[in-house]
């Protein structure tokens, strides 16, 4: 998927490595925000899938980034990324 300029700037400002954005795109769970966008985040199920695919140790080392999320347009372009501090409402 393609990232917007804004998403790249926000990821850099917030210290979110490109690898984490890639993991979100590949393994993140989708939640619709009812405003026309899709929010990707790591759920327990998606973390287990991530561990099966890349290994438990790399996921453990990157565990501080498992609170991250990405907001996508309906056509798959990443608009922004960030870190959750509160529970994601469904």
N, C-alpha and C. Protein backbone atom coordinates (compact mmCIF):
# COMPACT_ATOMS: atom_id res chain seq x y z
N UNK A 1 0.84 -1.18 0.00
CA UNK A 1 0.00 0.00 0.00
C UNK A 1 0.88 1.24 0.00
N UNK A 2 0.29 2.32 -0.40
CA UNK A 2 1.02 3.56 -0.50
C UNK A 2 0.72 4.47 0.69
N UNK A 3 1.74 5.15 1.20
CA UNK A 3 1.56 6.08 2.29
C UNK A 3 1.52 7.49 1.76
N UNK A 4 0.71 8.33 2.38
CA UNK A 4 0.69 9.75 2.01
C UNK A 4 1.90 10.43 2.63
N UNK A 5 2.20 11.61 2.14
CA UNK A 5 3.29 12.40 2.70
C UNK A 5 3.02 12.66 4.19
N UNK A 6 1.77 12.99 4.49
CA UNK A 6 1.38 13.25 5.88
C UNK A 6 1.66 12.04 6.78
N UNK A 7 1.32 10.85 6.29
CA UNK A 7 1.54 9.63 7.07
C UNK A 7 3.03 9.40 7.32
N UNK A 8 3.85 9.64 6.31
CA UNK A 8 5.30 9.48 6.49
C UNK A 8 5.86 10.46 7.50
N UNK A 9 5.40 11.71 7.45
CA UNK A 9 5.85 12.73 8.40
C UNK A 9 5.41 12.36 9.81
N UNK A 10 4.15 11.98 9.98
CA UNK A 10 3.63 11.61 11.30
C UNK A 10 4.37 10.40 11.88
N UNK A 11 4.63 9.41 11.04
CA UNK A 11 5.36 8.22 11.52
C UNK A 11 6.74 8.62 12.03
N UNK A 12 7.41 9.50 11.30
CA UNK A 12 8.73 9.95 11.73
C UNK A 12 8.63 10.77 13.01
N UNK A 13 7.67 11.67 13.09
CA UNK A 13 7.51 12.51 14.29
C UNK A 13 7.18 11.68 15.52
N UNK A 14 6.41 10.63 15.33
CA UNK A 14 5.95 9.81 16.45
C UNK A 14 6.85 8.61 16.71
N UNK A 15 7.92 8.49 15.95
CA UNK A 15 8.88 7.42 16.18
C UNK A 15 8.37 6.04 15.85
N UNK A 16 7.54 5.95 14.83
CA UNK A 16 6.97 4.66 14.42
C UNK A 16 7.75 4.17 13.21
N UNK A 17 8.47 3.05 13.35
CA UNK A 17 9.27 2.54 12.23
C UNK A 17 8.41 2.09 11.05
N UNK A 18 8.94 2.19 9.83
CA UNK A 18 8.20 1.72 8.65
C UNK A 18 7.81 0.25 8.75
N UNK A 19 8.61 -0.56 9.44
CA UNK A 19 8.28 -1.98 9.62
C UNK A 19 6.94 -2.15 10.32
N UNK A 20 6.66 -1.33 11.31
CA UNK A 20 5.41 -1.43 12.06
C UNK A 20 4.23 -1.07 11.17
N UNK A 21 4.39 -0.06 10.32
CA UNK A 21 3.32 0.31 9.38
C UNK A 21 3.08 -0.84 8.41
N UNK A 22 4.14 -1.49 7.95
CA UNK A 22 4.01 -2.65 7.08
C UNK A 22 3.26 -3.78 7.79
N UNK A 23 3.62 -4.05 9.05
CA UNK A 23 2.93 -5.08 9.83
C UNK A 23 1.45 -4.75 9.99
N UNK A 24 1.14 -3.48 10.24
CA UNK A 24 -0.27 -3.08 10.35
C UNK A 24 -1.02 -3.36 9.06
N UNK A 25 -0.40 -3.04 7.93
CA UNK A 25 -1.05 -3.26 6.65
C UNK A 25 -1.26 -4.74 6.37
N UNK A 26 -0.30 -5.56 6.77
CA UNK A 26 -0.37 -7.00 6.49
C UNK A 26 -1.18 -7.78 7.51
N UNK A 27 -1.09 -7.41 8.80
CA UNK A 27 -1.68 -8.23 9.85
C UNK A 27 -2.71 -7.51 10.71
N UNK A 28 -2.81 -6.19 10.59
CA UNK A 28 -3.70 -5.41 11.45
C UNK A 28 -5.17 -5.72 11.22
N UNK A 29 -5.94 -5.57 12.27
CA UNK A 29 -7.38 -5.77 12.19
C UNK A 29 -8.04 -4.48 11.74
N UNK A 30 -9.00 -4.60 10.83
CA UNK A 30 -9.68 -3.43 10.29
C UNK A 30 -10.91 -3.08 11.12
N UNK A 31 -11.07 -1.79 11.40
CA UNK A 31 -12.26 -1.27 12.05
C UNK A 31 -12.69 -0.06 11.25
N UNK A 32 -13.97 0.01 10.88
CA UNK A 32 -14.47 1.16 10.13
C UNK A 32 -14.81 2.27 11.11
N UNK A 33 -14.41 3.49 10.79
CA UNK A 33 -14.62 4.59 11.73
C UNK A 33 -15.94 5.33 11.51
N UNK A 34 -16.75 4.88 10.55
CA UNK A 34 -18.05 5.47 10.22
C UNK A 34 -17.93 6.91 9.74
N UNK A 35 -16.74 7.27 9.27
CA UNK A 35 -16.50 8.59 8.67
C UNK A 35 -15.88 8.42 7.28
N UNK A 36 -15.88 7.20 6.78
CA UNK A 36 -15.33 6.94 5.46
C UNK A 36 -13.90 6.44 5.45
N UNK A 37 -13.36 6.09 6.60
CA UNK A 37 -11.98 5.59 6.67
C UNK A 37 -11.94 4.24 7.38
N UNK A 38 -10.81 3.58 7.27
CA UNK A 38 -10.56 2.30 7.91
C UNK A 38 -9.40 2.49 8.88
N UNK A 39 -9.55 1.99 10.10
CA UNK A 39 -8.48 2.06 11.09
C UNK A 39 -7.92 0.66 11.26
N UNK A 40 -6.60 0.52 11.11
CA UNK A 40 -5.91 -0.74 11.33
C UNK A 40 -5.25 -0.70 12.69
N UNK A 41 -5.40 -1.76 13.47
CA UNK A 41 -4.75 -1.85 14.77
C UNK A 41 -4.40 -3.30 15.05
N UNK A 42 -3.59 -3.52 16.06
CA UNK A 42 -3.21 -4.88 16.44
C UNK A 42 -4.17 -5.38 17.52
N UNK A 43 -4.89 -6.44 17.20
CA UNK A 43 -5.74 -7.12 18.18
C UNK A 43 -4.98 -8.35 18.66
N UNK A 44 -5.52 -9.04 19.64
CA UNK A 44 -4.87 -10.27 20.11
C UNK A 44 -4.72 -11.27 18.97
N UNK A 45 -5.76 -11.37 18.16
CA UNK A 45 -5.73 -12.31 17.03
C UNK A 45 -4.67 -11.92 16.00
N UNK A 46 -4.58 -10.63 15.70
CA UNK A 46 -3.60 -10.21 14.69
C UNK A 46 -2.17 -10.32 15.21
N UNK A 47 -1.97 -10.14 16.52
CA UNK A 47 -0.62 -10.31 17.10
C UNK A 47 -0.22 -11.78 17.02
N UNK A 48 -1.15 -12.69 17.28
CA UNK A 48 -0.84 -14.13 17.16
C UNK A 48 -0.48 -14.48 15.72
N UNK A 49 -1.19 -13.92 14.76
CA UNK A 49 -0.89 -14.16 13.36
C UNK A 49 0.48 -13.59 13.00
N UNK A 50 0.77 -12.42 13.51
CA UNK A 50 2.08 -11.79 13.30
C UNK A 50 3.19 -12.67 13.87
N UNK A 51 2.99 -13.19 15.08
CA UNK A 51 3.99 -14.06 15.71
C UNK A 51 4.22 -15.33 14.89
N UNK A 52 3.15 -15.89 14.33
CA UNK A 52 3.29 -17.10 13.51
C UNK A 52 4.10 -16.82 12.24
N UNK A 53 3.97 -15.61 11.70
CA UNK A 53 4.62 -15.29 10.43
C UNK A 53 6.03 -14.75 10.56
N UNK A 54 6.31 -13.95 11.59
CA UNK A 54 7.64 -13.35 11.72
C UNK A 54 8.42 -13.88 12.91
N UNK A 55 7.75 -14.62 13.79
CA UNK A 55 8.42 -15.17 14.97
C UNK A 55 8.06 -14.41 16.23
N UNK A 56 8.09 -15.10 17.34
CA UNK A 56 7.71 -14.51 18.61
C UNK A 56 8.73 -13.47 19.10
N UNK A 57 10.01 -13.74 18.89
CA UNK A 57 11.07 -12.85 19.39
C UNK A 57 11.05 -11.47 18.72
N UNK A 58 10.95 -11.37 17.39
CA UNK A 58 10.86 -10.03 16.80
C UNK A 58 9.64 -9.25 17.29
N UNK A 59 8.52 -9.92 17.47
CA UNK A 59 7.31 -9.25 17.96
C UNK A 59 7.52 -8.79 19.40
N UNK A 60 8.16 -9.61 20.22
CA UNK A 60 8.43 -9.23 21.61
C UNK A 60 9.32 -7.98 21.66
N UNK A 61 10.33 -7.96 20.79
CA UNK A 61 11.25 -6.81 20.78
C UNK A 61 10.57 -5.53 20.31
N UNK A 62 9.56 -5.67 19.48
CA UNK A 62 8.85 -4.50 18.96
C UNK A 62 7.52 -4.28 19.69
N UNK A 63 7.34 -4.88 20.87
CA UNK A 63 6.06 -4.85 21.56
C UNK A 63 5.58 -3.44 21.91
N UNK A 64 6.50 -2.50 22.09
CA UNK A 64 6.09 -1.13 22.41
C UNK A 64 5.29 -0.50 21.26
N UNK A 65 5.41 -1.05 20.06
CA UNK A 65 4.71 -0.50 18.90
C UNK A 65 3.38 -1.20 18.62
N UNK A 66 3.00 -2.14 19.45
CA UNK A 66 1.75 -2.86 19.21
C UNK A 66 0.52 -2.03 19.58
N UNK A 67 0.73 -0.82 20.13
CA UNK A 67 -0.36 0.11 20.39
C UNK A 67 -0.60 1.04 19.21
N UNK A 68 0.17 0.88 18.15
CA UNK A 68 0.08 1.78 17.00
C UNK A 68 -1.17 1.47 16.16
N UNK A 69 -1.58 2.47 15.41
CA UNK A 69 -2.70 2.32 14.47
C UNK A 69 -2.37 3.08 13.19
N UNK A 70 -3.08 2.74 12.14
CA UNK A 70 -2.96 3.44 10.87
C UNK A 70 -4.37 3.72 10.36
N UNK A 71 -4.57 4.90 9.80
CA UNK A 71 -5.86 5.26 9.22
C UNK A 71 -5.71 5.23 7.70
N UNK A 72 -6.60 4.50 7.04
CA UNK A 72 -6.54 4.32 5.59
C UNK A 72 -7.80 4.86 4.93
N UNK A 73 -7.66 5.28 3.68
CA UNK A 73 -8.82 5.59 2.87
C UNK A 73 -9.42 4.26 2.42
N UNK A 74 -10.61 4.30 1.86
CA UNK A 74 -11.24 3.06 1.41
C UNK A 74 -10.50 2.42 0.24
N UNK A 75 -9.68 3.19 -0.48
CA UNK A 75 -8.89 2.61 -1.57
C UNK A 75 -7.51 2.14 -1.11
N UNK A 76 -7.23 2.19 0.20
CA UNK A 76 -6.02 1.60 0.74
C UNK A 76 -4.83 2.51 0.98
N UNK A 77 -4.98 3.80 0.80
CA UNK A 77 -3.87 4.73 1.03
C UNK A 77 -3.80 5.11 2.51
N UNK A 78 -2.61 4.99 3.11
CA UNK A 78 -2.43 5.33 4.52
C UNK A 78 -2.45 6.85 4.66
N UNK A 79 -3.37 7.36 5.47
CA UNK A 79 -3.51 8.80 5.69
C UNK A 79 -2.62 9.26 6.84
N UNK A 80 -2.68 8.54 7.95
CA UNK A 80 -1.88 8.91 9.12
C UNK A 80 -1.65 7.68 9.99
N UNK A 81 -0.69 7.80 10.89
CA UNK A 81 -0.39 6.74 11.85
C UNK A 81 -0.20 7.38 13.22
N UNK A 82 -0.40 6.59 14.25
CA UNK A 82 -0.24 7.11 15.60
C UNK A 82 -0.18 5.99 16.61
N UNK A 83 -0.14 6.38 17.89
CA UNK A 83 -0.12 5.42 19.00
C UNK A 83 -1.38 5.62 19.83
N UNK A 84 -2.04 4.51 20.15
CA UNK A 84 -3.25 4.58 20.97
C UNK A 84 -2.89 4.77 22.43
N UNK A 85 -3.64 5.61 23.11
CA UNK A 85 -3.49 5.78 24.55
C UNK A 85 -4.77 5.38 25.26
N UNK A 86 -5.85 5.22 24.49
CA UNK A 86 -7.13 4.80 25.03
C UNK A 86 -7.61 3.59 24.24
N UNK A 87 -8.64 2.93 24.75
CA UNK A 87 -9.24 1.78 24.09
C UNK A 87 -9.85 2.21 22.77
N UNK A 88 -9.70 1.40 21.73
CA UNK A 88 -10.28 1.69 20.42
C UNK A 88 -11.75 1.33 20.45
N UNK A 89 -12.61 2.29 20.17
CA UNK A 89 -14.05 2.03 20.18
C UNK A 89 -14.48 1.43 18.86
N UNK A 90 -15.37 0.46 18.93
CA UNK A 90 -15.84 -0.23 17.71
C UNK A 90 -17.19 0.30 17.31
